[in-house]
Structures are given as structure tokens and as C-alpha cells.
């Protein structure tokens, strides 16, 4: 049990990049969903912005795809 707590604590130590966003969803498929000022995008596990913060609505990745909304009603998979 102690090793589990220690390991999970260490995993979160290098997550200082999360502070620059209003909302962060844990990494899935190697990408984390982030939100800032009402726009969504995706970052790598290290916090590098990979998909710009341009989406009005965005879902987490599943099976290497994510649903996003741009322009109020255009839903697409990226």
C-alpha cells in the first residue's frame, strides 16, 4: 500500500504545467483535454500544447478520436 501511495504521489509531481489552464482532464491516449477562457484544446503528458485552444466544446480522446465543436453547431471528430 505504501509503495502505491508513493508511486502515485511521484507521478503528479511533474504536473506544474496544469496551473496555466482553468480545467484539465487526465491524459487519455497520450493527450490531456485542457480548457482556458472557455476554449478547449489538447496537450501532451508533459504539457506541450498539441491541439490549439480553439474548440467551444470538446470530449476526451477514446479509440484515438475526440468529438469537438467549432462554430456553435459543427461537431467533428479529430
PDB file of N, CA and C in Angstrom:
ATOM      1  N   UNK A   1       0.831  -1.203   0.000  1.00  0.00           N
ATOM      2  CA  UNK A   1       0.000   0.000   0.000  1.00  0.00           C
ATOM      3  C   UNK A   1       0.868   1.258   0.000  1.00  0.00           C
ATOM      4  N   UNK A   2       1.883   1.256   0.834  1.00  0.00           N
ATOM      5  CA  UNK A   2       2.770   2.408   0.911  1.00  0.00           C
ATOM      6  C   UNK A   2       3.421   2.697  -0.442  1.00  0.00           C
ATOM      7  N   UNK A   3       3.874   1.654  -1.135  1.00  0.00           N
ATOM      8  CA  UNK A   3       4.506   1.841  -2.435  1.00  0.00           C
ATOM      9  C   UNK A   3       3.529   2.444  -3.446  1.00  0.00           C
ATOM     10  N   UNK A   4       2.269   2.032  -3.394  1.00  0.00           N
ATOM     11  CA  UNK A   4       1.251   2.580  -4.288  1.00  0.00           C
ATOM     12  C   UNK A   4       1.072   4.078  -4.044  1.00  0.00           C
ATOM     13  N   UNK A   5       0.959   4.463  -2.795  1.00  0.00           N
ATOM     14  CA  UNK A   5       0.792   5.883  -2.449  1.00  0.00           C
ATOM     15  C   UNK A   5       2.016   6.671  -2.873  1.00  0.00           C
ATOM     16  N   UNK A   6       3.203   6.134  -2.639  1.00  0.00           N
ATOM     17  CA  UNK A   6       4.428   6.806  -3.033  1.00  0.00           C
ATOM     18  C   UNK A   6       4.497   6.961  -4.551  1.00  0.00           C
ATOM     19  N   UNK A   7       4.187   5.901  -5.284  1.00  0.00           N
ATOM     20  CA  UNK A   7       4.247   5.942  -6.740  1.00  0.00           C
ATOM     21  C   UNK A   7       3.244   6.926  -7.314  1.00  0.00           C
ATOM     22  N   UNK A   8       2.016   6.927  -6.832  1.00  0.00           N
ATOM     23  CA  UNK A   8       1.007   7.851  -7.358  1.00  0.00           C
ATOM     24  C   UNK A   8       1.342   9.289  -6.995  1.00  0.00           C
ATOM     25  N   UNK A   9       1.959   9.501  -5.852  1.00  0.00           N
ATOM     26  CA  UNK A   9       2.379  10.843  -5.466  1.00  0.00           C
ATOM     27  C   UNK A   9       3.476  11.361  -6.370  1.00  0.00           C
ATOM     28  N   UNK A  10       4.410  10.498  -6.734  1.00  0.00           N
ATOM     29  CA  UNK A  10       5.515  10.907  -7.600  1.00  0.00           C
ATOM     30  C   UNK A  10       5.050  11.204  -9.009  1.00  0.00           C
ATOM     31  N   UNK A  11       4.055  10.501  -9.491  1.00  0.00           N
ATOM     32  CA  UNK A  11       3.540  10.735 -10.840  1.00  0.00           C
ATOM     33  C   UNK A  11       3.025  12.167 -10.971  1.00  0.00           C
ATOM     34  N   UNK A  12       2.380  12.682  -9.955  1.00  0.00           N
ATOM     35  CA  UNK A  12       1.790  14.009 -10.020  1.00  0.00           C
ATOM     36  C   UNK A  12       2.756  15.156  -9.797  1.00  0.00           C
ATOM     37  N   UNK A  13       4.020  14.870  -9.424  1.00  0.00           N
ATOM     38  CA  UNK A  13       4.959  15.935  -9.119  1.00  0.00           C
ATOM     39  C   UNK A  13       5.314  16.788 -10.338  1.00  0.00           C
ATOM     40  N   UNK A  14       5.378  16.219 -11.516  1.00  0.00           N
ATOM     41  CA  UNK A  14       5.786  16.950 -12.703  1.00  0.00           C
ATOM     42  C   UNK A  14       4.582  17.492 -13.472  1.00  0.00           C
ATOM     43  N   UNK A  15       3.571  17.918 -12.785  1.00  0.00           N
ATOM     44  CA  UNK A  15       2.354  18.400 -13.422  1.00  0.00           C
ATOM     45  C   UNK A  15       2.166  19.904 -13.201  1.00  0.00           C
ATOM     46  N   UNK A  16       3.245  20.655 -13.020  1.00  0.00           N
ATOM     47  CA  UNK A  16       3.123  22.092 -12.770  1.00  0.00           C
ATOM     48  C   UNK A  16       2.516  22.838 -13.953  1.00  0.00           C
ATOM     49  N   UNK A  17       2.602  22.265 -15.152  1.00  0.00           N
ATOM     50  CA  UNK A  17       2.024  22.903 -16.338  1.00  0.00           C
ATOM     51  C   UNK A  17       0.517  23.032 -16.243  1.00  0.00           C
ATOM     52  N   UNK A  18      -0.118  22.218 -15.404  1.00  0.00           N
ATOM     53  CA  UNK A  18      -1.581  22.248 -15.299  1.00  0.00           C
ATOM     54  C   UNK A  18      -2.094  23.578 -14.742  1.00  0.00           C
ATOM     55  N   UNK A  19      -1.262  24.300 -14.032  1.00  0.00           N
ATOM     56  CA  UNK A  19      -1.683  25.551 -13.402  1.00  0.00           C
ATOM     57  C   UNK A  19      -2.010  26.653 -14.407  1.00  0.00           C
ATOM     58  N   UNK A  20      -1.539  26.516 -15.643  1.00  0.00           N
ATOM     59  CA  UNK A  20      -1.807  27.559 -16.644  1.00  0.00           C
ATOM     60  C   UNK A  20      -3.181  27.421 -17.291  1.00  0.00           C
ATOM     61  N   UNK A  21      -3.913  26.366 -16.937  1.00  0.00           N
ATOM     62  CA  UNK A  21      -5.231  26.118 -17.515  1.00  0.00           C
ATOM     63  C   UNK A  21      -6.313  26.206 -16.446  1.00  0.00           C
ATOM     64  N   UNK A  22      -7.538  26.537 -16.870  1.00  0.00           N
ATOM     65  CA  UNK A  22      -8.670  26.608 -15.947  1.00  0.00           C
ATOM     66  C   UNK A  22      -9.197  25.220 -15.604  1.00  0.00           C
ATOM     67  N   UNK A  23      -9.021  24.273 -16.518  1.00  0.00           N
ATOM     68  CA  UNK A  23      -9.577  22.930 -16.362  1.00  0.00           C
ATOM     69  C   UNK A  23      -8.684  21.946 -17.096  1.00  0.00           C
ATOM     70  N   UNK A  24      -8.363  20.811 -16.456  1.00  0.00           N
ATOM     71  CA  UNK A  24      -7.530  19.774 -17.074  1.00  0.00           C
ATOM     72  C   UNK A  24      -8.149  18.418 -16.778  1.00  0.00           C
ATOM     73  N   UNK A  25      -8.311  17.603 -17.828  1.00  0.00           N
ATOM     74  CA  UNK A  25      -8.774  16.226 -17.679  1.00  0.00           C
ATOM     75  C   UNK A  25      -7.563  15.324 -17.886  1.00  0.00           C
ATOM     76  N   UNK A  26      -7.394  14.329 -17.021  1.00  0.00           N
ATOM     77  CA  UNK A  26      -6.245  13.431 -17.099  1.00  0.00           C
ATOM     78  C   UNK A  26      -5.994  12.908 -18.501  1.00  0.00           C
ATOM     79  N   UNK A  27      -4.740  12.589 -18.743  1.00  0.00           N
ATOM     80  CA  UNK A  27      -4.322  12.090 -20.056  1.00  0.00           C
ATOM     81  C   UNK A  27      -5.042  10.800 -20.437  1.00  0.00           C
ATOM     82  N   UNK A  28      -5.442  10.760 -21.670  1.00  0.00           N
ATOM     83  CA  UNK A  28      -6.081   9.585 -22.254  1.00  0.00           C
ATOM     84  C   UNK A  28      -5.536   9.497 -23.674  1.00  0.00           C
ATOM     85  N   UNK A  29      -5.048   8.357 -24.071  1.00  0.00           N
ATOM     86  CA  UNK A  29      -4.437   8.184 -25.403  1.00  0.00           C
ATOM     87  C   UNK A  29      -3.230   9.103 -25.571  1.00  0.00           C
ATOM     88  N   UNK A  30      -2.572   9.455 -24.474  1.00  0.00           N
ATOM     89  CA  UNK A  30      -1.394  10.310 -24.548  1.00  0.00           C
ATOM     90  C   UNK A  30      -1.686  11.793 -24.580  1.00  0.00           C
ATOM     91  N   UNK A  31      -2.955  12.189 -24.544  1.00  0.00           N
ATOM     92  CA  UNK A  31      -3.334  13.601 -24.589  1.00  0.00           C
ATOM     93  C   UNK A  31      -4.227  13.954 -23.405  1.00  0.00           C
ATOM     94  N   UNK A  32      -4.069  15.170 -22.912  1.00  0.00           N
ATOM     95  CA  UNK A  32      -4.936  15.673 -21.854  1.00  0.00           C
ATOM     96  C   UNK A  32      -5.806  16.783 -22.433  1.00  0.00           C
ATOM     97  N   UNK A  33      -7.082  16.765 -22.115  1.00  0.00           N
ATOM     98  CA  UNK A  33      -8.014  17.814 -22.511  1.00  0.00           C
ATOM     99  C   UNK A  33      -7.820  18.987 -21.556  1.00  0.00           C
ATOM    100  N   UNK A  34      -7.628  20.189 -22.115  1.00  0.00           N
ATOM    101  CA  UNK A  34      -7.445  21.381 -21.290  1.00  0.00           C
ATOM    102  C   UNK A  34      -8.411  22.470 -21.735  1.00  0.00           C
ATOM    103  N   UNK A  35      -8.728  23.358 -20.797  1.00  0.00           N
ATOM    104  CA  UNK A  35      -9.627  24.479 -21.101  1.00  0.00           C
ATOM    105  C   UNK A  35      -9.054  25.745 -20.477  1.00  0.00           C
ATOM    106  N   UNK A  36      -9.133  26.823 -21.230  1.00  0.00           N
ATOM    107  CA  UNK A  36      -8.732  28.126 -20.714  1.00  0.00           C
ATOM    108  C   UNK A  36      -9.590  29.186 -21.390  1.00  0.00           C
ATOM    109  N   UNK A  37     -10.170  30.050 -20.589  1.00  0.00           N
ATOM    110  CA  UNK A  37     -11.014  31.136 -21.086  1.00  0.00           C
ATOM    111  C   UNK A  37     -12.135  30.637 -22.000  1.00  0.00           C
ATOM    112  N   UNK A  38     -12.712  29.491 -21.679  1.00  0.00           N
ATOM    113  CA  UNK A  38     -13.854  28.972 -22.415  1.00  0.00           C
ATOM    114  C   UNK A  38     -13.525  28.237 -23.702  1.00  0.00           C
ATOM    115  N   UNK A  39     -12.257  28.039 -24.014  1.00  0.00           N
ATOM    116  CA  UNK A  39     -11.840  27.313 -25.218  1.00  0.00           C
ATOM    117  C   UNK A  39     -11.074  26.059 -24.819  1.00  0.00           C
ATOM    118  N   UNK A  40     -11.248  24.991 -25.592  1.00  0.00           N
ATOM    119  CA  UNK A  40     -10.636  23.707 -25.289  1.00  0.00           C
ATOM    120  C   UNK A  40      -9.578  23.339 -26.316  1.00  0.00           C
ATOM    121  N   UNK A  41      -8.596  22.552 -25.882  1.00  0.00           N
ATOM    122  CA  UNK A  41      -7.540  22.022 -26.737  1.00  0.00           C
ATOM    123  C   UNK A  41      -6.936  20.808 -26.058  1.00  0.00           C
ATOM    124  N   UNK A  42      -5.808  20.343 -26.573  1.00  0.00           N
ATOM    125  CA  UNK A  42      -5.179  19.132 -26.047  1.00  0.00           C
ATOM    126  C   UNK A  42      -3.683  19.348 -25.891  1.00  0.00           C
ATOM    127  N   UNK A  43      -3.128  18.787 -24.812  1.00  0.00           N
ATOM    128  CA  UNK A  43      -1.699  18.854 -24.545  1.00  0.00           C
ATOM    129  C   UNK A  43      -1.141  17.446 -24.365  1.00  0.00           C
ATOM    130  N   UNK A  44       0.177  17.331 -24.505  1.00  0.00           N
ATOM    131  CA  UNK A  44       0.841  16.049 -24.251  1.00  0.00           C
ATOM    132  C   UNK A  44       0.906  15.808 -22.746  1.00  0.00           C
ATOM    133  N   UNK A  45       1.357  14.633 -22.369  1.00  0.00           N
ATOM    134  CA  UNK A  45       1.503  14.302 -20.948  1.00  0.00           C
ATOM    135  C   UNK A  45       2.512  15.218 -20.258  1.00  0.00           C
ATOM    136  N   UNK A  46       3.403  15.825 -21.034  1.00  0.00           N
ATOM    137  CA  UNK A  46       4.393  16.750 -20.488  1.00  0.00           C
ATOM    138  C   UNK A  46       3.900  18.196 -20.490  1.00  0.00           C
ATOM    139  N   UNK A  47       2.701  18.442 -21.020  1.00  0.00           N
ATOM    140  CA  UNK A  47       2.122  19.771 -21.019  1.00  0.00           C
ATOM    141  C   UNK A  47       2.343  20.576 -22.284  1.00  0.00           C
ATOM    142  N   UNK A  48       2.941  19.980 -23.318  1.00  0.00           N
ATOM    143  CA  UNK A  48       3.152  20.697 -24.580  1.00  0.00           C
ATOM    144  C   UNK A  48       1.836  20.780 -25.343  1.00  0.00           C
ATOM    145  N   UNK A  49       1.460  21.986 -25.738  1.00  0.00           N
ATOM    146  CA  UNK A  49       0.221  22.196 -26.484  1.00  0.00           C
ATOM    147  C   UNK A  49       0.330  21.552 -27.866  1.00  0.00           C
ATOM    148  N   UNK A  50      -0.536  20.580 -28.144  1.00  0.00           N
ATOM    149  CA  UNK A  50      -0.522  19.862 -29.416  1.00  0.00           C
ATOM    150  C   UNK A  50      -1.691  20.239 -30.313  1.00  0.00           C
ATOM    151  N   UNK A  51      -2.835  20.537 -29.725  1.00  0.00           N
ATOM    152  CA  UNK A  51      -4.024  20.965 -30.470  1.00  0.00           C
ATOM    153  C   UNK A  51      -4.471  22.282 -29.846  1.00  0.00           C
ATOM    154  N   UNK A  52      -4.447  23.339 -30.617  1.00  0.00           N
ATOM    155  CA  UNK A  52      -4.725  24.692 -30.122  1.00  0.00           C
ATOM    156  C   UNK A  52      -6.055  24.795 -29.383  1.00  0.00           C
ATOM    157  N   UNK A  53      -6.123  25.763 -28.502  1.00  0.00           N
ATOM    158  CA  UNK A  53      -7.335  26.043 -27.728  1.00  0.00           C
ATOM    159  C   UNK A  53      -8.316  26.821 -28.595  1.00  0.00           C
ATOM    160  N   UNK A  54      -9.020  26.108 -29.471  1.00  0.00           N
ATOM    161  CA  UNK A  54      -9.942  26.755 -30.412  1.00  0.00           C
ATOM    162  C   UNK A  54     -11.356  26.201 -30.349  1.00  0.00           C
ATOM    163  N   UNK A  55     -11.564  25.139 -29.592  1.00  0.00           N
ATOM    164  CA  UNK A  55     -12.856  24.453 -29.601  1.00  0.00           C
ATOM    165  C   UNK A  55     -13.775  24.962 -28.501  1.00  0.00           C
ATOM    166  N   UNK A  56     -15.061  25.098 -28.832  1.00  0.00           N
ATOM    167  CA  UNK A  56     -16.061  25.558 -27.871  1.00  0.00           C
ATOM    168  C   UNK A  56     -16.489  24.431 -26.942  1.00  0.00           C
ATOM    169  N   UNK A  57     -16.539  23.226 -27.457  1.00  0.00           N
ATOM    170  CA  UNK A  57     -16.878  22.026 -26.686  1.00  0.00           C
ATOM    171  C   UNK A  57     -15.924  20.941 -27.146  1.00  0.00           C
ATOM    172  N   UNK A  58     -15.450  20.133 -26.220  1.00  0.00           N
ATOM    173  CA  UNK A  58     -14.519  19.078 -26.577  1.00  0.00           C
ATOM    174  C   UNK A  58     -14.663  17.917 -25.606  1.00  0.00           C
ATOM    175  N   UNK A  59     -14.469  16.709 -26.126  1.00  0.00           N
ATOM    176  CA  UNK A  59     -14.554  15.492 -25.320  1.00  0.00           C
ATOM    177  C   UNK A  59     -13.155  14.892 -25.209  1.00  0.00           C
ATOM    178  N   UNK A  60     -12.958  14.007 -24.234  1.00  0.00           N
ATOM    179  CA  UNK A  60     -11.671  13.324 -24.112  1.00  0.00           C
ATOM    180  C   UNK A  60     -11.506  12.327 -25.253  1.00  0.00           C
ATOM    181  N   UNK A  61     -10.266  11.985 -25.546  1.00  0.00           N
ATOM    182  CA  UNK A  61      -9.989  11.015 -26.605  1.00  0.00           C
ATOM    183  C   UNK A  61     -10.425   9.621 -26.185  1.00  0.00           C
ATOM    184  N   UNK A  62     -10.946   8.871 -27.136  1.00  0.00           N
ATOM    185  CA  UNK A  62     -11.317   7.472 -26.959  1.00  0.00           C
ATOM    186  C   UNK A  62     -11.086   6.792 -28.296  1.00  0.00           C
ATOM    187  N   UNK A  63     -10.357   5.716 -28.284  1.00  0.00           N
ATOM    188  CA  UNK A  63     -10.028   4.995 -29.512  1.00  0.00           C
ATOM    189  C   UNK A  63      -9.385   5.924 -30.537  1.00  0.00           C
ATOM    190  N   UNK A  64      -8.489   6.776 -30.062  1.00  0.00           N
ATOM    191  CA  UNK A  64      -7.724   7.719 -30.888  1.00  0.00           C
ATOM    192  C   UNK A  64      -8.571   8.774 -31.588  1.00  0.00           C
ATOM    193  N   UNK A  65      -9.755   9.072 -31.091  1.00  0.00           N
ATOM    194  CA  UNK A  65     -10.634  10.104 -31.651  1.00  0.00           C
ATOM    195  C   UNK A  65     -11.252  10.915 -30.508  1.00  0.00           C
ATOM    196  N   UNK A  66     -11.610  12.162 -30.834  1.00  0.00           N
ATOM    197  CA  UNK A  66     -12.315  13.005 -29.873  1.00  0.00           C
ATOM    198  C   UNK A  66     -13.341  13.845 -30.629  1.00  0.00           C
ATOM    199  N   UNK A  67     -14.499  14.037 -30.042  1.00  0.00           N
ATOM    200  CA  UNK A  67     -15.530  14.897 -30.629  1.00  0.00           C
ATOM    201  C   UNK A  67     -15.302  16.324 -30.151  1.00  0.00           C
ATOM    202  N   UNK A  68     -15.372  17.270 -31.088  1.00  0.00           N
ATOM    203  CA  UNK A  68     -15.181  18.683 -30.760  1.00  0.00           C
ATOM    204  C   UNK A  68     -16.238  19.508 -31.482  1.00  0.00           C
ATOM    205  N   UNK A  69     -16.477  20.725 -30.977  1.00  0.00           N
ATOM    206  CA  UNK A  69     -17.444  21.619 -31.609  1.00  0.00           C
ATOM    207  C   UNK A  69     -16.781  22.962 -31.882  1.00  0.00           C
ATOM    208  N   UNK A  70     -16.953  23.417 -33.120  1.00  0.00           N
ATOM    209  CA  UNK A  70     -16.451  24.717 -33.544  1.00  0.00           C
ATOM    210  C   UNK A  70     -17.593  25.442 -34.231  1.00  0.00           C
ATOM    211  N   UNK A  71     -17.749  26.702 -33.959  1.00  0.00           N
ATOM    212  CA  UNK A  71     -18.763  27.486 -34.648  1.00  0.00           C
ATOM    213  C   UNK A  71     -20.184  27.235 -34.170  1.00  0.00           C
ATOM    214  N   UNK A  72     -20.369  26.760 -32.975  1.00  0.00           N
ATOM    215  CA  UNK A  72     -21.699  26.595 -32.400  1.00  0.00           C
ATOM    216  C   UNK A  72     -22.419  25.321 -32.692  1.00  0.00           C
ATOM    217  N   UNK A  73     -22.263  24.762 -33.888  1.00  0.00           N
ATOM    218  CA  UNK A  73     -23.020  23.536 -34.181  1.00  0.00           C
ATOM    219  C   UNK A  73     -22.252  22.522 -35.012  1.00  0.00           C
ATOM    220  N   UNK A  74     -21.067  22.855 -35.448  1.00  0.00           N
ATOM    221  CA  UNK A  74     -20.278  21.925 -36.246  1.00  0.00           C
ATOM    222  C   UNK A  74     -19.536  20.943 -35.333  1.00  0.00           C
ATOM    223  N   UNK A  75     -20.023  19.727 -35.253  1.00  0.00           N
ATOM    224  CA  UNK A  75     -19.375  18.697 -34.457  1.00  0.00           C
ATOM    225  C   UNK A  75     -18.556  17.835 -35.387  1.00  0.00           C
ATOM    226  N   UNK A  76     -17.296  17.612 -35.006  1.00  0.00           N
ATOM    227  CA  UNK A  76     -16.436  16.788 -35.840  1.00  0.00           C
ATOM    228  C   UNK A  76     -15.538  15.930 -34.959  1.00  0.00           C
ATOM    229  N   UNK A  77     -14.962  14.911 -35.546  1.00  0.00           N
ATOM    230  CA  UNK A  77     -14.009  14.058 -34.857  1.00  0.00           C
ATOM    231  C   UNK A  77     -12.615  14.451 -35.280  1.00  0.00           C
ATOM    232  N   UNK A  78     -11.728  14.561 -34.292  1.00  0.00           N
ATOM    233  CA  UNK A  78     -10.325  14.835 -34.617  1.00  0.00           C
ATOM    234  C   UNK A  78      -9.487  13.668 -34.184  1.00  0.00           C
TER     235      UNK A  78
END
